[in-house]
Amino acid sequence: MTLSILRIGGDTFTDYEGLLTLILRSFAYMDPLIDPPSSAHRLTVAGLKEKARDEIGLVAHDDGQLLGCAFLRPEPDFLYVGKLAVDPDLQGRGIGTLLLREAERIAQDLGRPSLRLETRIELVGNHARFGAWGFVKTAENRHAGYDRTTSIEMQKRLA
């Protein structure tokens, strides 16, 4: 497998339908585990195109086949990593690591000292994976209308 990262948002990327399918497939395992439901279910092709214009969209691909993605949003002190997704059949092959390395490079180019992300409280496997990648829990949050913690924030300080 020859992985490469493509920055999307311009005319160089057109497979937003495939990207939506990738995200929905990669987030599907969460459906019976999390409450409230994932915001991935509200994504549309048009919404992804807009997201790619407003944020920094990345796709990992191998000869045109979509393998993973992430959307990065600059914040005052962080680069927020959202919708990090890897094809479920290809997880564990370094695709997520490659996307996060590119996020780190972009954060440093933008002068952001840290990456930030959020993950659902129920997804302890994600907590462990992000911890192995150097992220630490920094906050607990709740979605509107919930009286319990529904997600955690994790940050990774860059060198």
C-alpha atoms as a PDB file:
ATOM      1  CA  MET A   1       0.000   0.000   0.000  1.00  0.00           C
ATOM      2  CA  THR A   2       1.332   3.431  -0.987  1.00  0.00           C
ATOM      3  CA  LEU A   3      -0.366   5.993   1.213  1.00  0.00           C
ATOM      4  CA  SER A   4      -0.447   9.646   0.395  1.00  0.00           C
ATOM      5  CA  ILE A   5      -2.282  12.625   1.837  1.00  0.00           C
ATOM      6  CA  LEU A   6      -4.229  15.059  -0.314  1.00  0.00           C
ATOM      7  CA  ARG A   7      -5.491  18.390   0.915  1.00  0.00           C
ATOM      8  CA  ILE A   8      -9.037  18.912  -0.346  1.00  0.00           C
ATOM      9  CA  GLY A   9     -11.215  21.946  -0.793  1.00  0.00           C
ATOM     10  CA  GLY A  10     -10.311  23.023  -4.295  1.00  0.00           C
ATOM     11  CA  ASP A  11     -10.845  21.406  -7.660  1.00  0.00           C
ATOM     12  CA  THR A  12      -8.301  18.636  -6.989  1.00  0.00           C
ATOM     13  CA  PHE A  13     -10.850  16.472  -5.148  1.00  0.00           C
ATOM     14  CA  THR A  14     -14.344  15.609  -6.347  1.00  0.00           C
ATOM     15  CA  ASP A  15     -15.353  12.341  -4.640  1.00  0.00           C
ATOM     16  CA  TYR A  16     -17.420  13.820  -1.828  1.00  0.00           C
ATOM     17  CA  GLU A  17     -19.960  11.009  -2.166  1.00  0.00           C
ATOM     18  CA  GLY A  18     -17.166   8.505  -1.512  1.00  0.00           C
ATOM     19  CA  LEU A  19     -15.908  10.632   1.364  1.00  0.00           C
ATOM     20  CA  LEU A  20     -19.364  10.690   2.959  1.00  0.00           C
ATOM     21  CA  THR A  21     -19.593   6.906   2.593  1.00  0.00           C
ATOM     22  CA  LEU A  22     -16.157   6.491   4.190  1.00  0.00           C
ATOM     23  CA  ILE A  23     -17.084   8.646   7.193  1.00  0.00           C
ATOM     24  CA  LEU A  24     -20.433   6.938   7.718  1.00  0.00           C
ATOM     25  CA  ARG A  25     -18.862   3.453   7.446  1.00  0.00           C
ATOM     26  CA  SER A  26     -16.077   4.337   9.839  1.00  0.00           C
ATOM     27  CA  PHE A  27     -18.441   5.882  12.415  1.00  0.00           C
ATOM     28  CA  ALA A  28     -21.145   3.175  12.113  1.00  0.00           C
ATOM     29  CA  TYR A  29     -19.777   1.060  14.991  1.00  0.00           C
ATOM     30  CA  MET A  30     -20.582   3.949  17.353  1.00  0.00           C
ATOM     31  CA  ASP A  31     -24.322   3.925  16.667  1.00  0.00           C
ATOM     32  CA  PRO A  32     -25.342   1.390  19.335  1.00  0.00           C
ATOM     33  CA  LEU A  33     -22.817   2.792  21.848  1.00  0.00           C
ATOM     34  CA  ILE A  34     -23.231   6.562  21.973  1.00  0.00           C
ATOM     35  CA  ASP A  35     -25.971   8.959  22.949  1.00  0.00           C
ATOM     36  CA  PRO A  36     -26.645  11.482  21.472  1.00  0.00           C
ATOM     37  CA  PRO A  37     -26.155  10.082  17.948  1.00  0.00           C
ATOM     38  CA  SER A  38     -23.058  11.041  15.996  1.00  0.00           C
ATOM     39  CA  SER A  39     -23.088  14.307  14.079  1.00  0.00           C
ATOM     40  CA  ALA A  40     -21.785  12.257  11.140  1.00  0.00           C
ATOM     41  CA  HIS A  41     -25.428  11.371  10.437  1.00  0.00           C
ATOM     42  CA  ARG A  42     -26.131  15.023   9.649  1.00  0.00           C
ATOM     43  CA  LEU A  43     -23.391  15.219   7.014  1.00  0.00           C
ATOM     44  CA  THR A  44     -24.304  15.565   3.352  1.00  0.00           C
ATOM     45  CA  VAL A  45     -22.262  15.831   0.174  1.00  0.00           C
ATOM     46  CA  ALA A  46     -23.000  19.568   0.037  1.00  0.00           C
ATOM     47  CA  GLY A  47     -22.094  19.916   3.711  1.00  0.00           C
ATOM     48  CA  LEU A  48     -18.775  18.135   3.181  1.00  0.00           C
ATOM     49  CA  LYS A  49     -17.929  20.432   0.272  1.00  0.00           C
ATOM     50  CA  GLU A  50     -18.654  23.424   2.503  1.00  0.00           C
ATOM     51  CA  LYS A  51     -16.628  21.886   5.345  1.00  0.00           C
ATOM     52  CA  ALA A  52     -13.689  21.395   2.967  1.00  0.00           C
ATOM     53  CA  ARG A  53     -13.896  25.073   1.987  1.00  0.00           C
ATOM     54  CA  ASP A  54     -14.169  26.336   5.581  1.00  0.00           C
ATOM     55  CA  GLU A  55     -11.669  23.982   7.214  1.00  0.00           C
ATOM     56  CA  ILE A  56      -8.557  22.093   6.175  1.00  0.00           C
ATOM     57  CA  GLY A  57      -9.729  18.807   4.726  1.00  0.00           C
ATOM     58  CA  LEU A  58      -7.323  15.894   4.365  1.00  0.00           C
ATOM     59  CA  VAL A  59      -7.848  12.550   2.673  1.00  0.00           C
ATOM     60  CA  ALA A  60      -5.527   9.565   2.800  1.00  0.00           C
ATOM     61  CA  HIS A  61      -5.600   7.611  -0.419  1.00  0.00           C
ATOM     62  CA  ASP A  62      -3.825   4.900  -2.322  1.00  0.00           C
ATOM     63  CA  ASP A  63      -3.988   5.329  -6.084  1.00  0.00           C
ATOM     64  CA  GLY A  64      -7.306   7.177  -5.812  1.00  0.00           C
ATOM     65  CA  GLN A  65      -8.921   4.805  -3.278  1.00  0.00           C
ATOM     66  CA  LEU A  66     -10.124   6.700  -0.202  1.00  0.00           C
ATOM     67  CA  LEU A  67      -8.652   5.199   2.955  1.00  0.00           C
ATOM     68  CA  GLY A  68      -9.186   7.882   5.581  1.00  0.00           C
ATOM     69  CA  CYS A  69      -9.821  11.546   6.263  1.00  0.00           C
ATOM     70  CA  ALA A  70      -9.674  14.334   8.818  1.00  0.00           C
ATOM     71  CA  PHE A  71     -10.938  17.881   8.987  1.00  0.00           C
ATOM     72  CA  LEU A  72      -8.789  20.472  10.752  1.00  0.00           C
ATOM     73  CA  ARG A  73     -10.035  23.768  12.131  1.00  0.00           C
ATOM     74  CA  PRO A  74      -7.613  26.420  13.349  1.00  0.00           C
ATOM     75  CA  GLU A  75      -8.527  27.816  16.765  1.00  0.00           C
ATOM     76  CA  PRO A  76      -6.629  30.525  18.682  1.00  0.00           C
ATOM     77  CA  ASP A  77      -4.426  28.096  20.650  1.00  0.00           C
ATOM     78  CA  PHE A  78      -5.031  24.787  18.891  1.00  0.00           C
ATOM     79  CA  LEU A  79      -5.621  22.991  15.657  1.00  0.00           C
ATOM     80  CA  TYR A  80      -8.877  21.091  16.164  1.00  0.00           C
ATOM     81  CA  VAL A  81      -8.998  17.608  14.610  1.00  0.00           C
ATOM     82  CA  GLY A  82     -12.473  16.486  13.647  1.00  0.00           C
ATOM     83  CA  LYS A  83     -14.092  13.693  11.653  1.00  0.00           C
ATOM     84  CA  LEU A  84     -10.926  11.606  11.794  1.00  0.00           C
ATOM     85  CA  ALA A  85     -12.032   8.482   9.947  1.00  0.00           C
ATOM     86  CA  VAL A  86     -10.283   5.394   8.595  1.00  0.00           C
ATOM     87  CA  ASP A  87     -11.892   2.717   6.450  1.00  0.00           C
ATOM     88  CA  PRO A  88     -12.935   0.017   8.953  1.00  0.00           C
ATOM     89  CA  ASP A  89     -11.316  -2.709   6.836  1.00  0.00           C
ATOM     90  CA  LEU A  90      -7.962  -0.891   6.928  1.00  0.00           C
ATOM     91  CA  GLN A  91      -7.693   0.216  10.544  1.00  0.00           C
ATOM     92  CA  GLY A  92      -4.425  -0.602  12.297  1.00  0.00           C
ATOM     93  CA  ARG A  93      -2.283   0.008   9.207  1.00  0.00           C
ATOM     94  CA  GLY A  94      -0.979   3.473  10.091  1.00  0.00           C
ATOM     95  CA  ILE A  95      -3.504   5.549   8.150  1.00  0.00           C
ATOM     96  CA  GLY A  96      -4.713   7.447  11.242  1.00  0.00           C
ATOM     97  CA  THR A  97      -1.121   8.016  12.291  1.00  0.00           C
ATOM     98  CA  LEU A  98      -0.297   9.454   8.872  1.00  0.00           C
ATOM     99  CA  LEU A  99      -3.287  11.817   9.034  1.00  0.00           C
ATOM    100  CA  LEU A 100      -2.317  12.992  12.527  1.00  0.00           C
ATOM    101  CA  ARG A 101       1.310  13.553  11.486  1.00  0.00           C
ATOM    102  CA  GLU A 102       0.057  15.797   8.704  1.00  0.00           C
ATOM    103  CA  ALA A 103      -2.198  17.594  11.213  1.00  0.00           C
ATOM    104  CA  GLU A 104       0.857  18.167  13.432  1.00  0.00           C
ATOM    105  CA  ARG A 105       2.830  19.584  10.500  1.00  0.00           C
ATOM    106  CA  ILE A 106      -0.029  21.917   9.593  1.00  0.00           C
ATOM    107  CA  ALA A 107      -0.444  23.009  13.226  1.00  0.00           C
ATOM    108  CA  GLN A 108       3.230  23.900  13.412  1.00  0.00           C
ATOM    109  CA  ASP A 109       3.035  25.772  10.084  1.00  0.00           C
ATOM    110  CA  LEU A 110       0.101  27.761  11.499  1.00  0.00           C
ATOM    111  CA  GLY A 111       1.901  28.449  14.786  1.00  0.00           C
ATOM    112  CA  ARG A 112      -0.513  26.341  16.861  1.00  0.00           C
ATOM    113  CA  PRO A 113       1.301  24.625  19.743  1.00  0.00           C
ATOM    114  CA  SER A 114      -1.247  21.827  20.253  1.00  0.00           C
ATOM    115  CA  LEU A 115      -3.791  19.583  18.601  1.00  0.00           C
ATOM    116  CA  ARG A 116      -7.233  19.256  20.166  1.00  0.00           C
ATOM    117  CA  LEU A 117     -10.009  16.733  19.590  1.00  0.00           C
ATOM    118  CA  GLU A 118     -13.153  15.432  21.202  1.00  0.00           C
ATOM    119  CA  THR A 119     -14.321  11.855  21.543  1.00  0.00           C
ATOM    120  CA  ARG A 120     -17.402  10.355  23.089  1.00  0.00           C
ATOM    121  CA  ILE A 121     -17.226   9.216  26.688  1.00  0.00           C
ATOM    122  CA  GLU A 122     -18.416   5.710  25.767  1.00  0.00           C
ATOM    123  CA  LEU A 123     -15.638   5.130  23.204  1.00  0.00           C
ATOM    124  CA  VAL A 124     -12.911   3.986  25.586  1.00  0.00           C
ATOM    125  CA  GLY A 125     -11.043   2.311  22.724  1.00  0.00           C
ATOM    126  CA  ASN A 126     -10.697   5.726  21.090  1.00  0.00           C
ATOM    127  CA  HIS A 127      -9.467   7.200  24.383  1.00  0.00           C
ATOM    128  CA  ALA A 128      -6.742   4.546  24.487  1.00  0.00           C
ATOM    129  CA  ARG A 129      -5.793   5.006  20.816  1.00  0.00           C
ATOM    130  CA  PHE A 130      -5.548   8.779  21.156  1.00  0.00           C
ATOM    131  CA  GLY A 131      -3.584   8.321  24.383  1.00  0.00           C
ATOM    132  CA  ALA A 132      -1.131   6.069  22.547  1.00  0.00           C
ATOM    133  CA  TRP A 133      -0.749   8.862  19.984  1.00  0.00           C
ATOM    134  CA  GLY A 134       0.215  11.289  22.773  1.00  0.00           C
ATOM    135  CA  PHE A 135      -3.134  12.934  23.544  1.00  0.00           C
ATOM    136  CA  VAL A 136      -4.149  13.538  27.152  1.00  0.00           C
ATOM    137  CA  LYS A 137      -7.627  14.131  28.566  1.00  0.00           C
ATOM    138  CA  THR A 138      -8.114  17.800  29.392  1.00  0.00           C
ATOM    139  CA  ALA A 139     -11.862  18.202  29.929  1.00  0.00           C
ATOM    140  CA  GLU A 140     -15.223  16.505  30.158  1.00  0.00           C
ATOM    141  CA  ASN A 141     -18.129  17.997  28.227  1.00  0.00           C
ATOM    142  CA  ARG A 142     -21.829  17.413  27.764  1.00  0.00           C
ATOM    143  CA  HIS A 143     -24.084  17.951  24.796  1.00  0.00           C
ATOM    144  CA  ALA A 144     -26.978  20.383  25.142  1.00  0.00           C
ATOM    145  CA  GLY A 145     -29.853  18.843  27.030  1.00  0.00           C
ATOM    146  CA  TYR A 146     -27.748  16.178  28.779  1.00  0.00           C
ATOM    147  CA  ASP A 147     -27.016  16.179  32.506  1.00  0.00           C
ATOM    148  CA  ARG A 148     -24.094  13.757  32.204  1.00  0.00           C
ATOM    149  CA  THR A 149     -20.720  13.790  30.504  1.00  0.00           C
ATOM    150  CA  THR A 150     -21.120  12.816  26.858  1.00  0.00           C
ATOM    151  CA  SER A 151     -17.635  13.549  25.503  1.00  0.00           C
ATOM    152  CA  ILE A 152     -14.093  14.229  26.555  1.00  0.00           C
ATOM    153  CA  GLU A 153     -11.602  16.669  25.158  1.00  0.00           C
ATOM    154  CA  MET A 154      -8.051  15.513  24.531  1.00  0.00           C
ATOM    155  CA  GLN A 155      -5.012  17.582  23.591  1.00  0.00           C
ATOM    156  CA  LYS A 156      -1.558  16.834  22.288  1.00  0.00           C
ATOM    157  CA  ARG A 157       1.176  19.384  22.893  1.00  0.00           C
ATOM    158  CA  LEU A 158       3.580  19.604  19.959  1.00  0.00           C
ATOM    159  CA  ALA A 159       7.332  19.944  20.398  1.00  0.00           C
END
